[in-house]
Amino acid sequence: MAISMENERIVLCGANAYEQKYYFNERFAGIPESVKEELRIICILFTQEVGGVFTIVFENDGSVSLETDAEEEDVLYDEISSGLLVGEIRRNRQEMLESLSLYYRVFILHEQLDCSDMEV
């Protein structure tokens, strides 16, 4: 069965405070172990701090999205802190997120990149 990548968003990893579980999509097993561990720590610490569900998702264009959500009846979920923490992760982990995007574009989307796509 062929999978259409046109409108597909793919979860890379995520953590769920309600079930106290972490998920990593094994489709991305080629990502270095050190990066996988960093992703695990980011996801788990996020849900421990603000609750809810936190996911890191590849958009169909290869960009990386950080998403957080909570159950409607969760009065302990801190929406303001979650937004601030997402911004902090984006600032502090910008290089890693850009590398993940590049990985996805090259190894999943099979884009041909030229030197102008790479920063030195």
Protein backbone atom coordinates (compact mmCIF):
# COMPACT_ATOMS: atom_id res chain seq x y z
CA MET A 1 0.00 0.00 0.00
CA ALA A 2 1.46 3.34 -1.04
CA ILE A 3 1.22 6.14 1.49
CA SER A 4 0.41 9.59 0.19
CA MET A 5 2.71 12.17 1.75
CA GLU A 6 0.63 15.05 0.37
CA ASN A 7 -1.34 15.96 3.49
CA GLU A 8 0.30 13.63 5.95
CA ARG A 9 1.70 14.87 9.23
CA ILE A 10 3.82 12.33 11.06
CA VAL A 11 4.37 12.25 14.80
CA LEU A 12 8.05 11.91 15.64
CA CYS A 13 7.59 11.54 19.38
CA GLY A 14 5.46 12.59 22.27
CA ALA A 15 4.60 12.20 25.92
CA ASN A 16 1.26 11.86 27.66
CA ALA A 17 0.93 13.02 31.28
CA TYR A 18 -2.39 11.20 31.70
CA GLU A 19 -1.02 7.77 30.81
CA GLN A 20 2.55 8.60 31.88
CA LYS A 21 3.88 7.24 28.60
CA TYR A 22 6.46 8.29 26.04
CA TYR A 23 6.22 7.40 22.35
CA PHE A 24 8.91 7.44 19.67
CA ASN A 25 8.02 6.63 16.06
CA GLU A 26 10.35 3.79 15.03
CA ARG A 27 10.07 4.96 11.43
CA PHE A 28 12.80 7.41 12.49
CA ALA A 29 15.12 4.82 14.06
CA GLY A 30 18.00 6.29 12.01
CA ILE A 31 18.08 9.41 14.13
CA PRO A 32 21.20 9.33 16.36
CA GLU A 33 20.67 7.91 19.87
CA SER A 34 21.82 11.15 21.51
CA VAL A 35 19.09 13.08 19.68
CA LYS A 36 16.49 10.43 20.53
CA GLU A 37 17.43 10.75 24.19
CA GLU A 38 17.22 14.55 24.04
CA LEU A 39 13.76 14.30 22.44
CA ARG A 40 12.64 11.89 25.17
CA ILE A 41 13.84 14.25 27.90
CA ILE A 42 12.16 17.28 26.27
CA CYS A 43 8.82 15.50 25.92
CA ILE A 44 8.76 13.99 29.40
CA LEU A 45 9.90 17.16 31.17
CA PHE A 46 7.31 19.17 29.27
CA THR A 47 4.42 16.98 30.42
CA GLN A 48 5.77 16.83 33.97
CA GLU A 49 5.89 20.62 34.12
CA VAL A 50 2.58 21.60 32.48
CA GLY A 51 0.67 18.33 32.06
CA GLY A 52 -1.38 17.30 29.07
CA VAL A 53 0.01 15.76 25.91
CA PHE A 54 3.08 17.06 24.07
CA THR A 55 4.07 15.94 20.58
CA ILE A 56 6.77 16.79 18.08
CA VAL A 57 5.39 16.43 14.56
CA PHE A 58 6.83 16.57 11.06
CA GLU A 59 4.64 18.61 8.72
CA ASN A 60 4.26 17.42 5.14
CA ASP A 61 6.80 20.05 3.98
CA GLY A 62 9.41 18.76 6.44
CA SER A 63 9.05 21.50 9.03
CA VAL A 64 8.83 20.54 12.69
CA SER A 65 5.88 21.49 14.89
CA LEU A 66 5.69 21.37 18.67
CA GLU A 67 2.15 20.71 19.84
CA THR A 68 0.50 20.56 23.21
CA ASP A 69 -3.01 19.64 24.15
CA ALA A 70 -5.02 18.77 27.22
CA GLU A 71 -8.23 17.04 28.07
CA GLU A 72 -11.08 19.53 28.44
CA GLU A 73 -11.72 18.66 32.08
CA ASP A 74 -8.04 18.95 33.07
CA VAL A 75 -8.05 21.91 35.47
CA LEU A 76 -4.37 21.40 36.32
CA TYR A 77 -3.14 21.93 32.73
CA ASP A 78 -1.42 25.29 32.47
CA GLU A 79 -2.07 26.69 29.00
CA ILE A 80 0.00 29.84 29.54
CA SER A 81 3.02 27.91 30.81
CA SER A 82 2.68 25.44 27.94
CA GLY A 83 2.89 28.24 25.38
CA LEU A 84 5.89 29.77 27.12
CA LEU A 85 7.63 26.40 27.35
CA VAL A 86 7.04 25.66 23.64
CA GLY A 87 8.67 29.02 22.84
CA GLU A 88 11.59 28.23 25.13
CA ILE A 89 12.12 24.82 23.51
CA ARG A 90 12.02 26.41 20.04
CA ARG A 91 14.68 28.98 21.07
CA ASN A 92 16.95 26.63 23.03
CA ARG A 93 16.72 23.69 20.64
CA GLN A 94 16.51 25.57 17.34
CA GLU A 95 19.59 23.87 15.88
CA MET A 96 18.31 20.39 16.75
CA LEU A 97 14.85 21.16 15.30
CA GLU A 98 16.43 22.45 12.08
CA SER A 99 18.56 19.29 11.88
CA LEU A 100 15.47 17.12 12.35
CA SER A 101 13.74 19.00 9.55
CA LEU A 102 16.75 18.46 7.28
CA TYR A 103 16.82 14.75 8.21
CA TYR A 104 13.14 14.40 7.33
CA ARG A 105 13.50 16.25 4.02
CA VAL A 106 16.49 14.15 2.93
CA PHE A 107 15.66 10.66 4.26
CA ILE A 108 11.85 10.64 4.18
CA LEU A 109 10.87 13.09 1.45
CA HIS A 110 14.01 12.26 -0.58
CA GLU A 111 14.59 15.89 -1.50
CA GLN A 112 17.75 16.75 -3.33
CA LEU A 113 19.38 19.55 -1.38
CA ASP A 114 21.97 21.88 -2.78
CA CYS A 115 24.63 23.70 -0.79
CA SER A 116 22.46 26.80 -0.42
CA ASP A 117 20.12 24.76 1.83
CA MET A 118 22.90 24.14 4.32
CA GLU A 119 24.27 26.53 6.90
CA VAL A 120 27.96 26.57 7.62
